[in-house]
PDB file of N, CA and C in Angstrom:
ATOM      1  N   UNK A   1     121.573 155.874   4.310  1.00  0.00           N
ATOM      2  CA  UNK A   1     120.517 155.311   3.493  1.00  0.00           C
ATOM      3  C   UNK A   1     120.493 153.795   3.694  1.00  0.00           C
ATOM      4  N   UNK A   2     119.343 153.256   3.968  1.00  0.00           N
ATOM      5  CA  UNK A   2     119.201 151.817   4.202  1.00  0.00           C
ATOM      6  C   UNK A   2     119.345 151.038   2.897  1.00  0.00           C
ATOM      7  N   UNK A   3     119.909 149.885   3.025  1.00  0.00           N
ATOM      8  CA  UNK A   3     120.073 148.973   1.898  1.00  0.00           C
ATOM      9  C   UNK A   3     118.832 148.080   1.818  1.00  0.00           C
ATOM     10  N   UNK A   4     118.513 147.638   0.621  1.00  0.00           N
ATOM     11  CA  UNK A   4     117.468 146.624   0.492  1.00  0.00           C
ATOM     12  C   UNK A   4     118.122 145.270   0.766  1.00  0.00           C
ATOM     13  N   UNK A   5     117.355 144.362   1.325  1.00  0.00           N
ATOM     14  CA  UNK A   5     117.869 143.028   1.627  1.00  0.00           C
ATOM     15  C   UNK A   5     117.092 142.024   0.783  1.00  0.00           C
ATOM     16  N   UNK A   6     117.846 141.228   0.026  1.00  0.00           N
ATOM     17  CA  UNK A   6     117.265 140.202  -0.832  1.00  0.00           C
ATOM     18  C   UNK A   6     117.771 138.849  -0.344  1.00  0.00           C
ATOM     19  N   UNK A   7     116.861 137.916  -0.162  1.00  0.00           N
ATOM     20  CA  UNK A   7     117.239 136.574   0.283  1.00  0.00           C
ATOM     21  C   UNK A   7     117.200 135.652  -0.934  1.00  0.00           C
ATOM     22  N   UNK A   8     118.351 135.128  -1.291  1.00  0.00           N
ATOM     23  CA  UNK A   8     118.447 134.223  -2.446  1.00  0.00           C
ATOM     24  C   UNK A   8     117.665 132.940  -2.168  1.00  0.00           C
ATOM     25  N   UNK A   9     117.208 132.298  -3.219  1.00  0.00           N
ATOM     26  CA  UNK A   9     116.434 131.061  -3.100  1.00  0.00           C
ATOM     27  C   UNK A   9     117.090 130.002  -2.222  1.00  0.00           C
ATOM     28  N   UNK A  10     118.385 129.712  -2.409  1.00  0.00           N
ATOM     29  CA  UNK A  10     119.025 128.709  -1.549  1.00  0.00           C
ATOM     30  C   UNK A  10     119.008 129.103  -0.069  1.00  0.00           C
ATOM     31  N   UNK A  11     119.173 130.373   0.221  1.00  0.00           N
ATOM     32  CA  UNK A  11     119.145 130.832   1.614  1.00  0.00           C
ATOM     33  C   UNK A  11     117.742 130.679   2.200  1.00  0.00           C
ATOM     34  N   UNK A  12     116.726 130.961   1.398  1.00  0.00           N
ATOM     35  CA  UNK A  12     115.341 130.753   1.855  1.00  0.00           C
ATOM     36  C   UNK A  12     115.099 129.287   2.193  1.00  0.00           C
ATOM     37  N   UNK A  13     115.594 128.396   1.333  1.00  0.00           N
ATOM     38  CA  UNK A  13     115.443 126.959   1.586  1.00  0.00           C
ATOM     39  C   UNK A  13     116.214 126.536   2.840  1.00  0.00           C
ATOM     40  N   UNK A  14     117.421 127.096   3.008  1.00  0.00           N
ATOM     41  CA  UNK A  14     118.201 126.805   4.215  1.00  0.00           C
ATOM     42  C   UNK A  14     117.408 127.174   5.465  1.00  0.00           C
ATOM     43  N   UNK A  15     116.864 128.365   5.460  1.00  0.00           N
ATOM     44  CA  UNK A  15     116.110 128.849   6.621  1.00  0.00           C
ATOM     45  C   UNK A  15     114.869 127.994   6.853  1.00  0.00           C
ATOM     46  N   UNK A  16     114.133 127.714   5.795  1.00  0.00           N
ATOM     47  CA  UNK A  16     112.925 126.877   5.922  1.00  0.00           C
ATOM     48  C   UNK A  16     113.265 125.499   6.488  1.00  0.00           C
ATOM     49  N   UNK A  17     114.341 124.898   6.000  1.00  0.00           N
ATOM     50  CA  UNK A  17     114.741 123.575   6.482  1.00  0.00           C
ATOM     51  C   UNK A  17     115.137 123.618   7.951  1.00  0.00           C
ATOM     52  N   UNK A  18     115.874 124.647   8.346  1.00  0.00           N
ATOM     53  CA  UNK A  18     116.291 124.773   9.741  1.00  0.00           C
ATOM     54  C   UNK A  18     115.088 124.952  10.649  1.00  0.00           C
ATOM     55  N   UNK A  19     114.168 125.830  10.254  1.00  0.00           N
ATOM     56  CA  UNK A  19     112.980 126.079  11.077  1.00  0.00           C
ATOM     57  C   UNK A  19     112.099 124.839  11.160  1.00  0.00           C
ATOM     58  N   UNK A  20     111.945 124.137  10.045  1.00  0.00           N
ATOM     59  CA  UNK A  20     111.144 122.916  10.026  1.00  0.00           C
ATOM     60  C   UNK A  20     111.767 121.845  10.922  1.00  0.00           C
ATOM     61  N   UNK A  21     113.076 121.688  10.831  1.00  0.00           N
ATOM     62  CA  UNK A  21     113.770 120.692  11.653  1.00  0.00           C
ATOM     63  C   UNK A  21     113.587 121.005  13.140  1.00  0.00           C
ATOM     64  N   UNK A  22     113.821 122.245  13.508  1.00  0.00           N
ATOM     65  CA  UNK A  22     113.716 122.624  14.921  1.00  0.00           C
ATOM     66  C   UNK A  22     112.280 122.485  15.420  1.00  0.00           C
ATOM     67  N   UNK A  23     111.322 122.963  14.629  1.00  0.00           N
ATOM     68  CA  UNK A  23     109.926 122.948  15.065  1.00  0.00           C
ATOM     69  C   UNK A  23     109.333 121.549  15.085  1.00  0.00           C
ATOM     70  N   UNK A  24     109.641 120.733  14.071  1.00  0.00           N
ATOM     71  CA  UNK A  24     108.975 119.439  13.923  1.00  0.00           C
ATOM     72  C   UNK A  24     109.787 118.245  14.402  1.00  0.00           C
ATOM     73  N   UNK A  25     111.032 118.165  14.007  1.00  0.00           N
ATOM     74  CA  UNK A  25     111.852 117.025  14.399  1.00  0.00           C
ATOM     75  C   UNK A  25     112.269 117.145  15.862  1.00  0.00           C
ATOM     76  N   UNK A  26     112.729 118.324  16.237  1.00  0.00           N
ATOM     77  CA  UNK A  26     113.131 118.535  17.623  1.00  0.00           C
ATOM     78  C   UNK A  26     111.943 118.884  18.529  1.00  0.00           C
ATOM     79  N   UNK A  27     110.778 119.095  17.905  1.00  0.00           N
ATOM     80  CA  UNK A  27     109.552 119.443  18.636  1.00  0.00           C
ATOM     81  C   UNK A  27     109.754 120.661  19.530  1.00  0.00           C
ATOM     82  N   UNK A  28     110.372 121.692  18.953  1.00  0.00           N
ATOM     83  CA  UNK A  28     110.643 122.919  19.695  1.00  0.00           C
ATOM     84  C   UNK A  28     110.196 124.143  18.889  1.00  0.00           C
ATOM     85  N   UNK A  29     108.884 124.290  18.703  1.00  0.00           N
ATOM     86  CA  UNK A  29     108.405 125.407  17.886  1.00  0.00           C
ATOM     87  C   UNK A  29     108.780 126.781  18.440  1.00  0.00           C
ATOM     88  N   UNK A  30     108.886 126.913  19.755  1.00  0.00           N
ATOM     89  CA  UNK A  30     109.265 128.215  20.307  1.00  0.00           C
ATOM     90  C   UNK A  30     110.733 128.532  19.988  1.00  0.00           C
ATOM     91  N   UNK A  31     111.575 127.524  19.943  1.00  0.00           N
ATOM     92  CA  UNK A  31     112.972 127.729  19.557  1.00  0.00           C
ATOM     93  C   UNK A  31     113.062 128.128  18.083  1.00  0.00           C
ATOM     94  N   UNK A  32     112.227 127.530  17.248  1.00  0.00           N
ATOM     95  CA  UNK A  32     112.197 127.889  15.829  1.00  0.00           C
ATOM     96  C   UNK A  32     111.744 129.339  15.665  1.00  0.00           C
ATOM     97  N   UNK A  33     110.726 129.729  16.413  1.00  0.00           N
ATOM     98  CA  UNK A  33     110.231 131.107  16.353  1.00  0.00           C
ATOM     99  C   UNK A  33     111.302 132.084  16.821  1.00  0.00           C
ATOM    100  N   UNK A  34     112.044 131.713  17.862  1.00  0.00           N
ATOM    101  CA  UNK A  34     113.118 132.560  18.375  1.00  0.00           C
ATOM    102  C   UNK A  34     114.234 132.713  17.341  1.00  0.00           C
ATOM    103  N   UNK A  35     114.562 131.640  16.644  1.00  0.00           N
ATOM    104  CA  UNK A  35     115.574 131.698  15.590  1.00  0.00           C
ATOM    105  C   UNK A  35     115.116 132.610  14.466  1.00  0.00           C
ATOM    106  N   UNK A  36     113.864 132.491  14.067  1.00  0.00           N
ATOM    107  CA  UNK A  36     113.325 133.350  13.010  1.00  0.00           C
ATOM    108  C   UNK A  36     113.362 134.815  13.446  1.00  0.00           C
ATOM    109  N   UNK A  37     113.009 135.093  14.690  1.00  0.00           N
ATOM    110  CA  UNK A  37     113.071 136.466  15.204  1.00  0.00           C
ATOM    111  C   UNK A  37     114.492 137.014  15.131  1.00  0.00           C
ATOM    112  N   UNK A  38     115.461 136.193  15.511  1.00  0.00           N
ATOM    113  CA  UNK A  38     116.864 136.610  15.470  1.00  0.00           C
ATOM    114  C   UNK A  38     117.319 136.854  14.033  1.00  0.00           C
ATOM    115  N   UNK A  39     116.923 135.987  13.120  1.00  0.00           N
ATOM    116  CA  UNK A  39     117.244 136.151  11.705  1.00  0.00           C
ATOM    117  C   UNK A  39     116.696 137.487  11.202  1.00  0.00           C
ATOM    118  N   UNK A  40     115.439 137.766  11.498  1.00  0.00           N
ATOM    119  CA  UNK A  40     114.814 139.007  11.041  1.00  0.00           C
ATOM    120  C   UNK A  40     115.469 140.230  11.687  1.00  0.00           C
ATOM    121  N   UNK A  41     115.845 140.120  12.955  1.00  0.00           N
ATOM    122  CA  UNK A  41     116.529 141.220  13.637  1.00  0.00           C
ATOM    123  C   UNK A  41     117.865 141.523  12.954  1.00  0.00           C
ATOM    124  N   UNK A  42     118.595 140.471  12.588  1.00  0.00           N
ATOM    125  CA  UNK A  42     119.880 140.661  11.917  1.00  0.00           C
ATOM    126  C   UNK A  42     119.712 141.262  10.524  1.00  0.00           C
ATOM    127  N   UNK A  43     118.640 140.918   9.848  1.00  0.00           N
ATOM    128  CA  UNK A  43     118.393 141.514   8.523  1.00  0.00           C
ATOM    129  C   UNK A  43     118.207 143.023   8.627  1.00  0.00           C
ATOM    130  N   UNK A  44     117.566 143.465   9.696  1.00  0.00           N
ATOM    131  CA  UNK A  44     117.403 144.909   9.919  1.00  0.00           C
ATOM    132  C   UNK A  44     118.775 145.555  10.106  1.00  0.00           C
ATOM    133  N   UNK A  45     119.648 144.902  10.877  1.00  0.00           N
ATOM    134  CA  UNK A  45     121.002 145.423  11.064  1.00  0.00           C
ATOM    135  C   UNK A  45     121.760 145.451   9.737  1.00  0.00           C
ATOM    136  N   UNK A  46     121.598 144.424   8.933  1.00  0.00           N
ATOM    137  CA  UNK A  46     122.280 144.391   7.637  1.00  0.00           C
ATOM    138  C   UNK A  46     121.791 145.514   6.731  1.00  0.00           C
ATOM    139  N   UNK A  47     120.502 145.796   6.773  1.00  0.00           N
ATOM    140  CA  UNK A  47     119.957 146.879   5.950  1.00  0.00           C
ATOM    141  C   UNK A  47     120.518 148.232   6.393  1.00  0.00           C
ATOM    142  N   UNK A  48     120.701 148.403   7.691  1.00  0.00           N
ATOM    143  CA  UNK A  48     121.208 149.672   8.223  1.00  0.00           C
ATOM    144  C   UNK A  48     122.717 149.812   8.084  1.00  0.00           C
ATOM    145  N   UNK A  49     123.442 148.719   8.255  1.00  0.00           N
ATOM    146  CA  UNK A  49     124.902 148.774   8.233  1.00  0.00           C
ATOM    147  C   UNK A  49     125.468 147.440   7.763  1.00  0.00           C
ATOM    148  N   UNK A  50     125.501 147.199   6.467  1.00  0.00           N
ATOM    149  CA  UNK A  50     125.940 145.896   5.957  1.00  0.00           C
ATOM    150  C   UNK A  50     127.407 145.571   6.213  1.00  0.00           C
ATOM    151  N   UNK A  51     128.216 146.564   6.517  1.00  0.00           N
ATOM    152  CA  UNK A  51     129.633 146.317   6.784  1.00  0.00           C
ATOM    153  C   UNK A  51     129.904 146.036   8.257  1.00  0.00           C
ATOM    154  N   UNK A  52     128.849 145.939   9.045  1.00  0.00           N
ATOM    155  CA  UNK A  52     128.979 145.706  10.479  1.00  0.00           C
ATOM    156  C   UNK A  52     129.696 144.396  10.786  1.00  0.00           C
ATOM    157  N   UNK A  53     129.468 143.377   9.984  1.00  0.00           N
ATOM    158  CA  UNK A  53     130.028 142.056  10.228  1.00  0.00           C
ATOM    159  C   UNK A  53     131.193 141.794   9.284  1.00  0.00           C
ATOM    160  N   UNK A  54     132.103 140.919   9.719  1.00  0.00           N
ATOM    161  CA  UNK A  54     133.346 140.691   9.002  1.00  0.00           C
ATOM    162  C   UNK A  54     133.232 139.838   7.753  1.00  0.00           C
ATOM    163  N   UNK A  55     134.274 139.908   6.968  1.00  0.00           N
ATOM    164  CA  UNK A  55     134.402 139.109   5.757  1.00  0.00           C
ATOM    165  C   UNK A  55     134.878 137.719   6.151  1.00  0.00           C
ATOM    166  N   UNK A  56     134.273 136.705   5.580  1.00  0.00           N
ATOM    167  CA  UNK A  56     134.720 135.327   5.763  1.00  0.00           C
ATOM    168  C   UNK A  56     135.660 135.033   4.598  1.00  0.00           C
ATOM    169  N   UNK A  57     136.956 135.076   4.859  1.00  0.00           N
ATOM    170  CA  UNK A  57     137.924 134.958   3.778  1.00  0.00           C
ATOM    171  C   UNK A  57     137.937 133.579   3.135  1.00  0.00           C
ATOM    172  N   UNK A  58     137.671 132.524   3.905  1.00  0.00           N
ATOM    173  CA  UNK A  58     137.638 131.184   3.320  1.00  0.00           C
ATOM    174  C   UNK A  58     136.484 131.055   2.333  1.00  0.00           C
ATOM    175  N   UNK A  59     135.311 131.496   2.730  1.00  0.00           N
ATOM    176  CA  UNK A  59     134.151 131.423   1.839  1.00  0.00           C
ATOM    177  C   UNK A  59     134.320 132.398   0.679  1.00  0.00           C
ATOM    178  N   UNK A  60     134.877 133.575   0.948  1.00  0.00           N
ATOM    179  CA  UNK A  60     135.092 134.556  -0.123  1.00  0.00           C
ATOM    180  C   UNK A  60     135.999 134.003  -1.202  1.00  0.00           C
ATOM    181  N   UNK A  61     137.048 133.292  -0.789  1.00  0.00           N
ATOM    182  CA  UNK A  61     137.968 132.699  -1.762  1.00  0.00           C
ATOM    183  C   UNK A  61     137.252 131.633  -2.588  1.00  0.00           C
ATOM    184  N   UNK A  62     136.447 130.822  -1.928  1.00  0.00           N
ATOM    185  CA  UNK A  62     135.719 129.765  -2.634  1.00  0.00           C
ATOM    186  C   UNK A  62     134.676 130.355  -3.575  1.00  0.00           C
ATOM    187  N   UNK A  63     134.093 131.473  -3.196  1.00  0.00           N
ATOM    188  CA  UNK A  63     133.019 132.102  -3.970  1.00  0.00           C
ATOM    189  C   UNK A  63     133.560 133.119  -4.966  1.00  0.00           C
ATOM    190  N   UNK A  64     134.832 133.452  -4.866  1.00  0.00           N
ATOM    191  CA  UNK A  64     135.485 134.443  -5.728  1.00  0.00           C
ATOM    192  C   UNK A  64     134.829 135.817  -5.596  1.00  0.00           C
ATOM    193  N   UNK A  65     134.268 136.105  -4.441  1.00  0.00           N
ATOM    194  CA  UNK A  65     133.664 137.407  -4.163  1.00  0.00           C
ATOM    195  C   UNK A  65     133.745 137.634  -2.657  1.00  0.00           C
ATOM    196  N   UNK A  66     133.608 138.855  -2.237  1.00  0.00           N
ATOM    197  CA  UNK A  66     133.676 139.190  -0.808  1.00  0.00           C
ATOM    198  C   UNK A  66     132.360 138.778  -0.139  1.00  0.00           C
ATOM    199  N   UNK A  67     132.444 137.777   0.704  1.00  0.00           N
ATOM    200  CA  UNK A  67     131.283 137.258   1.419  1.00  0.00           C
ATOM    201  C   UNK A  67     131.467 137.536   2.907  1.00  0.00           C
ATOM    202  N   UNK A  68     130.469 138.142   3.508  1.00  0.00           N
ATOM    203  CA  UNK A  68     130.484 138.442   4.935  1.00  0.00           C
ATOM    204  C   UNK A  68     129.582 137.444   5.650  1.00  0.00           C
ATOM    205  N   UNK A  69     129.713 137.386   6.963  1.00  0.00           N
ATOM    206  CA  UNK A  69     128.815 136.505   7.703  1.00  0.00           C
ATOM    207  C   UNK A  69     128.594 137.018   9.122  1.00  0.00           C
ATOM    208  N   UNK A  70     127.466 136.617   9.668  1.00  0.00           N
ATOM    209  CA  UNK A  70     127.145 136.915  11.060  1.00  0.00           C
ATOM    210  C   UNK A  70     126.452 135.690  11.650  1.00  0.00           C
ATOM    211  N   UNK A  71     126.407 135.647  12.964  1.00  0.00           N
ATOM    212  CA  UNK A  71     125.843 134.488  13.671  1.00  0.00           C
ATOM    213  C   UNK A  71     124.433 134.775  14.168  1.00  0.00           C
ATOM    214  N   UNK A  72     123.601 133.749  14.096  1.00  0.00           N
ATOM    215  CA  UNK A  72     122.236 133.812  14.616  1.00  0.00           C
ATOM    216  C   UNK A  72     121.950 132.503  15.335  1.00  0.00           C
ATOM    217  N   UNK A  73     122.185 132.477  16.634  1.00  0.00           N
ATOM    218  CA  UNK A  73     121.866 131.317  17.474  1.00  0.00           C
ATOM    219  C   UNK A  73     122.445 130.005  16.931  1.00  0.00           C
ATOM    220  N   UNK A  74     123.728 130.003  16.644  1.00  0.00           N
ATOM    221  CA  UNK A  74     124.390 128.792  16.168  1.00  0.00           C
ATOM    222  C   UNK A  74     124.347 128.613  14.654  1.00  0.00           C
ATOM    223  N   UNK A  75     123.656 129.490  13.965  1.00  0.00           N
ATOM    224  CA  UNK A  75     123.593 129.460  12.507  1.00  0.00           C
ATOM    225  C   UNK A  75     124.363 130.656  11.966  1.00  0.00           C
ATOM    226  N   UNK A  76     124.867 130.515  10.761  1.00  0.00           N
ATOM    227  CA  UNK A  76     125.596 131.608  10.136  1.00  0.00           C
ATOM    228  C   UNK A  76     124.835 132.093   8.914  1.00  0.00           C
ATOM    229  N   UNK A  77     124.753 133.406   8.809  1.00  0.00           N
ATOM    230  CA  UNK A  77     124.133 134.054   7.662  1.00  0.00           C
ATOM    231  C   UNK A  77     125.279 134.565   6.792  1.00  0.00           C
ATOM    232  N   UNK A  78     125.347 134.088   5.561  1.00  0.00           N
ATOM    233  CA  UNK A  78     126.373 134.515   4.614  1.00  0.00           C
ATOM    234  C   UNK A  78     125.721 135.471   3.623  1.00  0.00           C
ATOM    235  N   UNK A  79     126.405 136.589   3.371  1.00  0.00           N
ATOM    236  CA  UNK A  79     125.815 137.598   2.494  1.00  0.00           C
ATOM    237  C   UNK A  79     126.884 138.392   1.763  1.00  0.00           C
ATOM    238  N   UNK A  80     126.466 139.039   0.686  1.00  0.00           N
ATOM    239  CA  UNK A  80     127.320 139.945  -0.071  1.00  0.00           C
ATOM    240  C   UNK A  80     126.662 141.317  -0.084  1.00  0.00           C
ATOM    241  N   UNK A  81     127.492 142.337  -0.177  1.00  0.00           N
ATOM    242  CA  UNK A  81     127.004 143.710  -0.231  1.00  0.00           C
ATOM    243  C   UNK A  81     127.251 144.252  -1.629  1.00  0.00           C
ATOM    244  N   UNK A  82     126.192 144.733  -2.250  1.00  0.00           N
ATOM    245  CA  UNK A  82     126.270 145.378  -3.559  1.00  0.00           C
ATOM    246  C   UNK A  82     126.167 146.879  -3.311  1.00  0.00           C
ATOM    247  N   UNK A  83     127.332 147.512  -3.180  1.00  0.00           N
ATOM    248  CA  UNK A  83     127.370 148.941  -2.848  1.00  0.00           C
ATOM    249  C   UNK A  83     126.714 149.794  -3.934  1.00  0.00           C
ATOM    250  N   UNK A  84     126.942 149.433  -5.184  1.00  0.00           N
ATOM    251  CA  UNK A  84     126.426 150.245  -6.290  1.00  0.00           C
ATOM    252  C   UNK A  84     124.908 150.340  -6.273  1.00  0.00           C
ATOM    253  N   UNK A  85     124.255 149.261  -5.877  1.00  0.00           N
ATOM    254  CA  UNK A  85     122.786 149.228  -5.874  1.00  0.00           C
ATOM    255  C   UNK A  85     122.195 149.297  -4.469  1.00  0.00           C
ATOM    256  N   UNK A  86     123.027 149.536  -3.470  1.00  0.00           N
ATOM    257  CA  UNK A  86     122.579 149.583  -2.067  1.00  0.00           C
ATOM    258  C   UNK A  86     121.721 148.363  -1.735  1.00  0.00           C
ATOM    259  N   UNK A  87     122.327 147.201  -1.955  1.00  0.00           N
ATOM    260  CA  UNK A  87     121.594 145.955  -1.750  1.00  0.00           C
ATOM    261  C   UNK A  87     122.460 144.959  -1.001  1.00  0.00           C
ATOM    262  N   UNK A  88     121.821 144.202  -0.123  1.00  0.00           N
ATOM    263  CA  UNK A  88     122.458 143.093   0.576  1.00  0.00           C
ATOM    264  C   UNK A  88     121.812 141.819   0.048  1.00  0.00           C
ATOM    265  N   UNK A  89     122.630 140.884  -0.404  1.00  0.00           N
ATOM    266  CA  UNK A  89     122.122 139.610  -0.907  1.00  0.00           C
ATOM    267  C   UNK A  89     122.508 138.514   0.071  1.00  0.00           C
ATOM    268  N   UNK A  90     121.514 137.918   0.713  1.00  0.00           N
ATOM    269  CA  UNK A  90     121.747 136.811   1.635  1.00  0.00           C
ATOM    270  C   UNK A  90     121.903 135.552   0.796  1.00  0.00           C
ATOM    271  N   UNK A  91     123.063 134.915   0.916  1.00  0.00           N
ATOM    272  CA  UNK A  91     123.400 133.760   0.086  1.00  0.00           C
ATOM    273  C   UNK A  91     123.078 132.432   0.745  1.00  0.00           C
ATOM    274  N   UNK A  92     123.252 132.360   2.064  1.00  0.00           N
ATOM    275  CA  UNK A  92     123.074 131.081   2.753  1.00  0.00           C
ATOM    276  C   UNK A  92     122.770 131.315   4.225  1.00  0.00           C
ATOM    277  N   UNK A  93     122.105 130.332   4.810  1.00  0.00           N
ATOM    278  CA  UNK A  93     121.795 130.301   6.231  1.00  0.00           C
ATOM    279  C   UNK A  93     122.134 128.889   6.687  1.00  0.00           C
ATOM    280  N   UNK A  94     123.311 128.718   7.283  1.00  0.00           N
ATOM    281  CA  UNK A  94     123.828 127.382   7.562  1.00  0.00           C
ATOM    282  C   UNK A  94     124.144 127.195   9.036  1.00  0.00           C
ATOM    283  N   UNK A  95     123.906 126.003   9.526  1.00  0.00           N
ATOM    284  CA  UNK A  95     124.306 125.704  10.895  1.00  0.00           C
ATOM    285  C   UNK A  95     125.821 125.813  10.983  1.00  0.00           C
ATOM    286  N   UNK A  96     126.305 126.307  12.103  1.00  0.00           N
ATOM    287  CA  UNK A  96     127.737 126.523  12.284  1.00  0.00           C
ATOM    288  C   UNK A  96     128.598 125.288  12.128  1.00  0.00           C
ATOM    289  N   UNK A  97     128.012 124.106  12.268  1.00  0.00           N
ATOM    290  CA  UNK A  97     128.785 122.866  12.145  1.00  0.00           C
ATOM    291  C   UNK A  97     128.942 122.410  10.694  1.00  0.00           C
ATOM    292  N   UNK A  98     128.252 123.066   9.779  1.00  0.00           N
ATOM    293  CA  UNK A  98     128.313 122.649   8.373  1.00  0.00           C
ATOM    294  C   UNK A  98     129.554 123.213   7.691  1.00  0.00           C
ATOM    295  N   UNK A  99     129.977 122.582   6.629  1.00  0.00           N
ATOM    296  CA  UNK A  99     131.153 122.998   5.869  1.00  0.00           C
ATOM    297  C   UNK A  99     130.732 124.084   4.873  1.00  0.00           C
ATOM    298  N   UNK A 100     130.787 125.322   5.329  1.00  0.00           N
ATOM    299  CA  UNK A 100     130.309 126.440   4.515  1.00  0.00           C
ATOM    300  C   UNK A 100     131.098 126.595   3.222  1.00  0.00           C
ATOM    301  N   UNK A 101     132.399 126.381   3.279  1.00  0.00           N
ATOM    302  CA  UNK A 101     133.225 126.528   2.065  1.00  0.00           C
ATOM    303  C   UNK A 101     132.763 125.544   1.005  1.00  0.00           C
ATOM    304  N   UNK A 102     132.570 124.291   1.377  1.00  0.00           N
ATOM    305  CA  UNK A 102     132.125 123.278   0.410  1.00  0.00           C
ATOM    306  C   UNK A 102     130.735 123.617  -0.132  1.00  0.00           C
ATOM    307  N   UNK A 103     129.834 123.984   0.742  1.00  0.00           N
ATOM    308  CA  UNK A 103     128.457 124.285   0.325  1.00  0.00           C
ATOM    309  C   UNK A 103     128.433 125.494  -0.595  1.00  0.00           C
ATOM    310  N   UNK A 104     129.139 126.546  -0.228  1.00  0.00           N
ATOM    311  CA  UNK A 104     129.136 127.762  -1.049  1.00  0.00           C
ATOM    312  C   UNK A 104     129.808 127.518  -2.405  1.00  0.00           C
ATOM    313  N   UNK A 105     130.837 126.674  -2.441  1.00  0.00           N
ATOM    314  CA  UNK A 105     131.491 126.340  -3.701  1.00  0.00           C
ATOM    315  C   UNK A 105     130.527 125.615  -4.626  1.00  0.00           C
ATOM    316  N   UNK A 106     129.718 124.723  -4.070  1.00  0.00           N
ATOM    317  CA  UNK A 106     128.751 123.977  -4.876  1.00  0.00           C
ATOM    318  C   UNK A 106     127.638 124.870  -5.404  1.00  0.00           C
ATOM    319  N   UNK A 107     127.348 125.953  -4.706  1.00  0.00           N
ATOM    320  CA  UNK A 107     126.251 126.832  -5.110  1.00  0.00           C
ATOM    321  C   UNK A 107     126.650 127.817  -6.180  1.00  0.00           C
ATOM    322  N   UNK A 108     127.946 128.024  -6.375  1.00  0.00           N
ATOM    323  CA  UNK A 108     128.398 129.028  -7.355  1.00  0.00           C
ATOM    324  C   UNK A 108     128.195 128.522  -8.758  1.00  0.00           C
TER     325      UNK A 108
END
C-alpha cells in the first residue's frame, strides 16, 4: 500500500529557495527543472517504499525522532515515516554542504 507524502512548510520553502537560486542567480533554469524532476521522482519512491533510504542518526538525535534522508543532485531530503497513518512527512530539503543537524534542531 502506498504512503501519502506530505511536504512540510519549511521543506517547501527550502525547495523553492533552491530552485529560485539555481534558475535565477545561477541562470540555469534547466538545472532547476532537472532538480525538481529528481525531487518528484524520489517522492514517488518514498510513497512506494519509505524505508528504502537510511536513518540519519545525527539528525535523528537532534530531532528526537527517527529521520531518514536521501540525496537528490547534491541536496538532501530529510523525512519521517508515520507507519500508523501510512504517511511520509518531508521535513527539509537542504544542500549537502549545509549543517543539517543545526538547521533541524532550530526547526523543532
